[in-house]
Amino acid sequence: MEEKKRERYVQFVKQCKTMMISTIDEHDEPFISYAPFVMDESHFYIFISRTAEHFQYIERNERVSVLLIADEAASINLFARERVRFTCKPTHIGNNGNDHIFAKFEHIHGKPMIRLLRSIDFSLFQLTPMEGRYVVGFGQAFDVNLNGERFTHVIVDKSEEGRLEGQ
C-alpha cells in the first residue's frame, strides 16, 4: 500500500510544471509567487525575471518554501488536494553553462519561449529541497525527499492524551 503511494508521489511530482513559491520580502512580510520549473537530479530549477519582485526575495533568503498542488478541477475534495511542500535552499546560478537544464526547460516549456526568455533579463536559480511533506488525502501525509527515496508516513496522535499534550 505504501509503495503505491510512493509511486503516486513520484508521478505527481513529474507531472507538475509550476510551483508556488513563498518568500519573505524586504519588510519581513510573507510574499507568494509562482514559477515554471524543471527538475534535475535532486534539485528544482526556476528561470525568472530579474525585475520580478520574487527574484530579489529568493536571492536574499536562505530558505524558501515551494508548493506543488493538484489542479482544483481534477481534485475530488478541495480540503484534501494532493500536494507536496518543500523547504528549499535557493542558489542563484545565472545563465552560463547549465545547457542540460536549459534543454529540459525547452523540452517541457517550449523551445521558442525559453529562447525568448534567455534573450531578456531572466536568470536561473537552483532550489535544493531540504525537507518535504506530501499529502494525498486525510490522514495520508508523508515526509519525503524529492526523488521519493525518503517516504515516511506521518502519524498524528489523536487520543485525548495526545491532544492535551499538544496544547
C-alpha atoms as a PDB file:
ATOM      1  CA  MET A   1       0.000   0.000   0.000  1.00  0.00           C
ATOM      2  CA  GLU A   2       2.719   2.487   0.958  1.00  0.00           C
ATOM      3  CA  GLU A   3       4.706   1.580  -2.166  1.00  0.00           C
ATOM      4  CA  LYS A   4       1.702   2.550  -4.321  1.00  0.00           C
ATOM      5  CA  LYS A   5       1.543   5.911  -2.527  1.00  0.00           C
ATOM      6  CA  ARG A   6       5.269   6.401  -3.162  1.00  0.00           C
ATOM      7  CA  GLU A   7       4.767   5.659  -6.874  1.00  0.00           C
ATOM      8  CA  ARG A   8       1.824   8.086  -6.947  1.00  0.00           C
ATOM      9  CA  TYR A   9       4.018  10.745  -5.300  1.00  0.00           C
ATOM     10  CA  VAL A  10       6.818  10.307  -7.853  1.00  0.00           C
ATOM     11  CA  GLN A  11       4.322  10.549 -10.726  1.00  0.00           C
ATOM     12  CA  PHE A  12       2.631  13.589  -9.159  1.00  0.00           C
ATOM     13  CA  VAL A  13       5.930  15.494  -8.926  1.00  0.00           C
ATOM     14  CA  LYS A  14       6.850  14.531 -12.504  1.00  0.00           C
ATOM     15  CA  GLN A  15       3.535  15.821 -13.888  1.00  0.00           C
ATOM     16  CA  CYS A  16       3.754  19.243 -12.203  1.00  0.00           C
ATOM     17  CA  LYS A  17       5.140  22.096 -14.290  1.00  0.00           C
ATOM     18  CA  THR A  18       4.733  25.098 -11.981  1.00  0.00           C
ATOM     19  CA  MET A  19       5.273  25.742  -8.296  1.00  0.00           C
ATOM     20  CA  MET A  20       4.067  28.271  -5.748  1.00  0.00           C
ATOM     21  CA  ILE A  21       6.994  29.994  -4.032  1.00  0.00           C
ATOM     22  CA  SER A  22       6.831  31.513  -0.555  1.00  0.00           C
ATOM     23  CA  THR A  23       9.498  34.020   0.496  1.00  0.00           C
ATOM     24  CA  ILE A  24       9.947  36.942   2.871  1.00  0.00           C
ATOM     25  CA  ASP A  25      10.041  40.479   1.450  1.00  0.00           C
ATOM     26  CA  GLU A  26      12.220  43.437   2.474  1.00  0.00           C
ATOM     27  CA  HIS A  27       9.784  44.267   5.322  1.00  0.00           C
ATOM     28  CA  ASP A  28       9.871  40.686   6.701  1.00  0.00           C
ATOM     29  CA  GLU A  29       6.373  40.129   5.340  1.00  0.00           C
ATOM     30  CA  PRO A  30       5.362  36.905   3.572  1.00  0.00           C
ATOM     31  CA  PHE A  31       5.313  37.042  -0.221  1.00  0.00           C
ATOM     32  CA  ILE A  32       3.848  34.373  -2.513  1.00  0.00           C
ATOM     33  CA  SER A  33       4.536  33.908  -6.203  1.00  0.00           C
ATOM     34  CA  TYR A  34       4.867  31.115  -8.725  1.00  0.00           C
ATOM     35  CA  ALA A  35       7.211  29.956 -11.463  1.00  0.00           C
ATOM     36  CA  PRO A  36       7.513  27.189 -14.022  1.00  0.00           C
ATOM     37  CA  PHE A  37      10.253  24.727 -13.078  1.00  0.00           C
ATOM     38  CA  VAL A  38      12.243  21.702 -14.146  1.00  0.00           C
ATOM     39  CA  MET A  39      13.921  19.020 -12.047  1.00  0.00           C
ATOM     40  CA  ASP A  40      17.386  17.582 -12.420  1.00  0.00           C
ATOM     41  CA  GLU A  41      18.764  15.004 -10.009  1.00  0.00           C
ATOM     42  CA  SER A  42      17.759  16.248  -6.542  1.00  0.00           C
ATOM     43  CA  HIS A  43      17.112  19.909  -7.410  1.00  0.00           C
ATOM     44  CA  PHE A  44      14.405  22.154  -8.795  1.00  0.00           C
ATOM     45  CA  TYR A  45      15.365  24.903 -11.249  1.00  0.00           C
ATOM     46  CA  ILE A  46      13.369  28.058 -11.888  1.00  0.00           C
ATOM     47  CA  PHE A  47      14.048  30.648 -14.587  1.00  0.00           C
ATOM     48  CA  ILE A  48      12.723  34.049 -13.512  1.00  0.00           C
ATOM     49  CA  SER A  49      12.980  37.713 -14.460  1.00  0.00           C
ATOM     50  CA  ARG A  50      15.428  39.929 -12.583  1.00  0.00           C
ATOM     51  CA  THR A  51      12.691  42.591 -12.486  1.00  0.00           C
ATOM     52  CA  ALA A  52      10.142  40.314 -10.785  1.00  0.00           C
ATOM     53  CA  GLU A  53       9.618  41.055  -7.104  1.00  0.00           C
ATOM     54  CA  HIS A  54      10.289  37.472  -6.101  1.00  0.00           C
ATOM     55  CA  PHE A  55      13.735  37.471  -7.763  1.00  0.00           C
ATOM     56  CA  GLN A  56      15.299  39.619  -5.040  1.00  0.00           C
ATOM     57  CA  TYR A  57      13.385  37.820  -2.263  1.00  0.00           C
ATOM     58  CA  ILE A  58      14.561  34.410  -3.450  1.00  0.00           C
ATOM     59  CA  GLU A  59      18.104  35.687  -3.904  1.00  0.00           C
ATOM     60  CA  ARG A  60      18.444  37.120  -0.401  1.00  0.00           C
ATOM     61  CA  ASN A  61      16.577  34.467   1.623  1.00  0.00           C
ATOM     62  CA  GLU A  62      18.464  31.434   2.908  1.00  0.00           C
ATOM     63  CA  ARG A  63      15.300  29.334   2.712  1.00  0.00           C
ATOM     64  CA  VAL A  64      12.160  29.435   0.589  1.00  0.00           C
ATOM     65  CA  SER A  65       9.109  27.196   0.637  1.00  0.00           C
ATOM     66  CA  VAL A  66       7.663  25.765  -2.540  1.00  0.00           C
ATOM     67  CA  LEU A  67       4.328  24.063  -3.123  1.00  0.00           C
ATOM     68  CA  LEU A  68       3.268  21.754  -5.927  1.00  0.00           C
ATOM     69  CA  ILE A  69      -0.509  21.262  -5.813  1.00  0.00           C
ATOM     70  CA  ALA A  70      -3.055  19.368  -7.864  1.00  0.00           C
ATOM     71  CA  ASP A  71      -5.403  21.308 -10.102  1.00  0.00           C
ATOM     72  CA  GLU A  72      -8.691  22.199  -8.387  1.00  0.00           C
ATOM     73  CA  ALA A  73     -10.668  20.902 -11.357  1.00  0.00           C
ATOM     74  CA  ALA A  74      -9.036  17.477 -11.030  1.00  0.00           C
ATOM     75  CA  SER A  75      -9.451  17.244  -7.243  1.00  0.00           C
ATOM     76  CA  ILE A  76     -12.320  15.271  -5.742  1.00  0.00           C
ATOM     77  CA  ASN A  77     -12.136  17.053  -2.376  1.00  0.00           C
ATOM     78  CA  LEU A  78     -10.734  20.583  -2.161  1.00  0.00           C
ATOM     79  CA  PHE A  79      -9.992  20.111   1.558  1.00  0.00           C
ATOM     80  CA  ALA A  80      -7.602  17.290   0.718  1.00  0.00           C
ATOM     81  CA  ARG A  81      -5.958  18.314  -2.558  1.00  0.00           C
ATOM     82  CA  GLU A  82      -2.885  16.319  -3.448  1.00  0.00           C
ATOM     83  CA  ARG A  83       0.183  18.447  -2.758  1.00  0.00           C
ATOM     84  CA  VAL A  84       3.806  18.462  -1.728  1.00  0.00           C
ATOM     85  CA  ARG A  85       5.635  21.230   0.099  1.00  0.00           C
ATOM     86  CA  PHE A  86       9.399  21.595   0.329  1.00  0.00           C
ATOM     87  CA  THR A  87      11.672  23.890   2.269  1.00  0.00           C
ATOM     88  CA  CYS A  88      14.498  24.714  -0.156  1.00  0.00           C
ATOM     89  CA  LYS A  89      17.877  26.397  -0.173  1.00  0.00           C
ATOM     90  CA  PRO A  90      17.982  28.794  -3.161  1.00  0.00           C
ATOM     91  CA  THR A  91      21.155  29.433  -5.150  1.00  0.00           C
ATOM     92  CA  HIS A  92      21.316  31.971  -7.972  1.00  0.00           C
ATOM     93  CA  ILE A  93      23.399  30.188 -10.614  1.00  0.00           C
ATOM     94  CA  GLY A  94      22.982  32.547 -13.572  1.00  0.00           C
ATOM     95  CA  ASN A  95      22.803  31.526 -17.204  1.00  0.00           C
ATOM     96  CA  ASN A  96      26.350  30.485 -18.125  1.00  0.00           C
ATOM     97  CA  GLY A  97      26.691  26.776 -18.741  1.00  0.00           C
ATOM     98  CA  ASN A  98      23.822  24.632 -17.475  1.00  0.00           C
ATOM     99  CA  ASP A  99      22.938  23.671 -21.047  1.00  0.00           C
ATOM    100  CA  HIS A 100      21.300  20.432 -19.863  1.00  0.00           C
ATOM    101  CA  ILE A 101      18.982  22.455 -17.590  1.00  0.00           C
ATOM    102  CA  PHE A 102      18.004  24.805 -20.416  1.00  0.00           C
ATOM    103  CA  ALA A 103      17.415  21.773 -22.651  1.00  0.00           C
ATOM    104  CA  LYS A 104      14.933  20.475 -20.047  1.00  0.00           C
ATOM    105  CA  PHE A 105      13.197  23.875 -19.939  1.00  0.00           C
ATOM    106  CA  GLU A 106      12.938  23.825 -23.742  1.00  0.00           C
ATOM    107  CA  HIS A 107      11.563  20.279 -23.751  1.00  0.00           C
ATOM    108  CA  ILE A 108       8.942  20.925 -21.051  1.00  0.00           C
ATOM    109  CA  HIS A 109       8.052  24.590 -21.583  1.00  0.00           C
ATOM    110  CA  GLY A 110       8.806  25.056 -25.283  1.00  0.00           C
ATOM    111  CA  LYS A 111      11.918  25.992 -27.198  1.00  0.00           C
ATOM    112  CA  PRO A 112      10.579  29.313 -28.603  1.00  0.00           C
ATOM    113  CA  MET A 113       9.544  30.553 -25.142  1.00  0.00           C
ATOM    114  CA  ILE A 114      12.822  29.639 -23.433  1.00  0.00           C
ATOM    115  CA  ARG A 115      14.887  31.149 -26.254  1.00  0.00           C
ATOM    116  CA  LEU A 116      12.899  34.377 -25.912  1.00  0.00           C
ATOM    117  CA  LEU A 117      13.360  34.438 -22.122  1.00  0.00           C
ATOM    118  CA  ARG A 118      17.099  33.778 -22.481  1.00  0.00           C
ATOM    119  CA  SER A 119      17.349  36.880 -24.669  1.00  0.00           C
ATOM    120  CA  ILE A 120      15.931  39.155 -21.972  1.00  0.00           C
ATOM    121  CA  ASP A 121      16.514  39.546 -18.219  1.00  0.00           C
ATOM    122  CA  PHE A 122      15.701  36.039 -16.973  1.00  0.00           C
ATOM    123  CA  SER A 123      18.135  34.156 -14.738  1.00  0.00           C
ATOM    124  CA  LEU A 124      18.385  30.637 -13.340  1.00  0.00           C
ATOM    125  CA  PHE A 125      18.014  29.578  -9.702  1.00  0.00           C
ATOM    126  CA  GLN A 126      18.695  26.151  -8.236  1.00  0.00           C
ATOM    127  CA  LEU A 127      16.373  25.205  -5.374  1.00  0.00           C
ATOM    128  CA  THR A 128      17.707  22.387  -3.214  1.00  0.00           C
ATOM    129  CA  PRO A 129      14.955  20.679  -1.189  1.00  0.00           C
ATOM    130  CA  MET A 130      15.908  20.219   2.460  1.00  0.00           C
ATOM    131  CA  GLU A 131      12.684  18.613   3.725  1.00  0.00           C
ATOM    132  CA  GLY A 132       9.296  17.878   2.273  1.00  0.00           C
ATOM    133  CA  ARG A 133       5.771  16.820   3.135  1.00  0.00           C
ATOM    134  CA  TYR A 134       3.466  15.083   0.659  1.00  0.00           C
ATOM    135  CA  VAL A 135      -0.290  14.983   1.352  1.00  0.00           C
ATOM    136  CA  VAL A 136      -2.529  12.769  -0.712  1.00  0.00           C
ATOM    137  CA  GLY A 137      -5.657  12.790   1.463  1.00  0.00           C
ATOM    138  CA  PHE A 138      -6.946  12.886   5.011  1.00  0.00           C
ATOM    139  CA  GLY A 139      -4.539  11.022   7.302  1.00  0.00           C
ATOM    140  CA  GLN A 140      -2.235  10.404   4.366  1.00  0.00           C
ATOM    141  CA  ALA A 141       0.797  12.634   4.875  1.00  0.00           C
ATOM    142  CA  PHE A 142       4.372  11.563   4.238  1.00  0.00           C
ATOM    143  CA  ASP A 143       7.746  13.117   4.964  1.00  0.00           C
ATOM    144  CA  VAL A 144       9.609  12.925   1.645  1.00  0.00           C
ATOM    145  CA  ASN A 145      12.664  13.895  -0.314  1.00  0.00           C
ATOM    146  CA  LEU A 146      12.411  14.955  -3.944  1.00  0.00           C
ATOM    147  CA  ASN A 147      13.074  11.601  -5.590  1.00  0.00           C
ATOM    148  CA  GLY A 148      10.889   9.597  -3.184  1.00  0.00           C
ATOM    149  CA  GLU A 149      13.698   7.595  -1.557  1.00  0.00           C
ATOM    150  CA  ARG A 150      12.527   9.021   1.770  1.00  0.00           C
ATOM    151  CA  PHE A 151       8.825   8.303   2.201  1.00  0.00           C
ATOM    152  CA  THR A 152       7.739   8.113   5.836  1.00  0.00           C
ATOM    153  CA  HIS A 153       4.086   8.067   6.886  1.00  0.00           C
ATOM    154  CA  VAL A 154       3.298  10.853   9.369  1.00  0.00           C
ATOM    155  CA  ILE A 155       1.257   9.557  12.301  1.00  0.00           C
ATOM    156  CA  VAL A 156      -0.665  12.020  14.477  1.00  0.00           C
ATOM    157  CA  ASP A 157      -1.694  11.005  17.994  1.00  0.00           C
ATOM    158  CA  LYS A 158      -5.450  11.661  18.042  1.00  0.00           C
ATOM    159  CA  SER A 159      -6.022  10.338  21.551  1.00  0.00           C
ATOM    160  CA  GLU A 160      -7.282  12.680  24.274  1.00  0.00           C
ATOM    161  CA  GLU A 161      -3.882  12.489  25.966  1.00  0.00           C
ATOM    162  CA  GLY A 162      -2.104  13.427  22.723  1.00  0.00           C
ATOM    163  CA  ARG A 163      -4.373  16.436  22.200  1.00  0.00           C
ATOM    164  CA  LEU A 164      -3.794  17.675  25.740  1.00  0.00           C
ATOM    165  CA  GLU A 165      -0.020  17.340  25.402  1.00  0.00           C
ATOM    166  CA  GLY A 166      -0.066  19.332  22.169  1.00  0.00           C
ATOM    167  CA  GLN A 167      -1.917  22.292  23.712  1.00  0.00           C
END
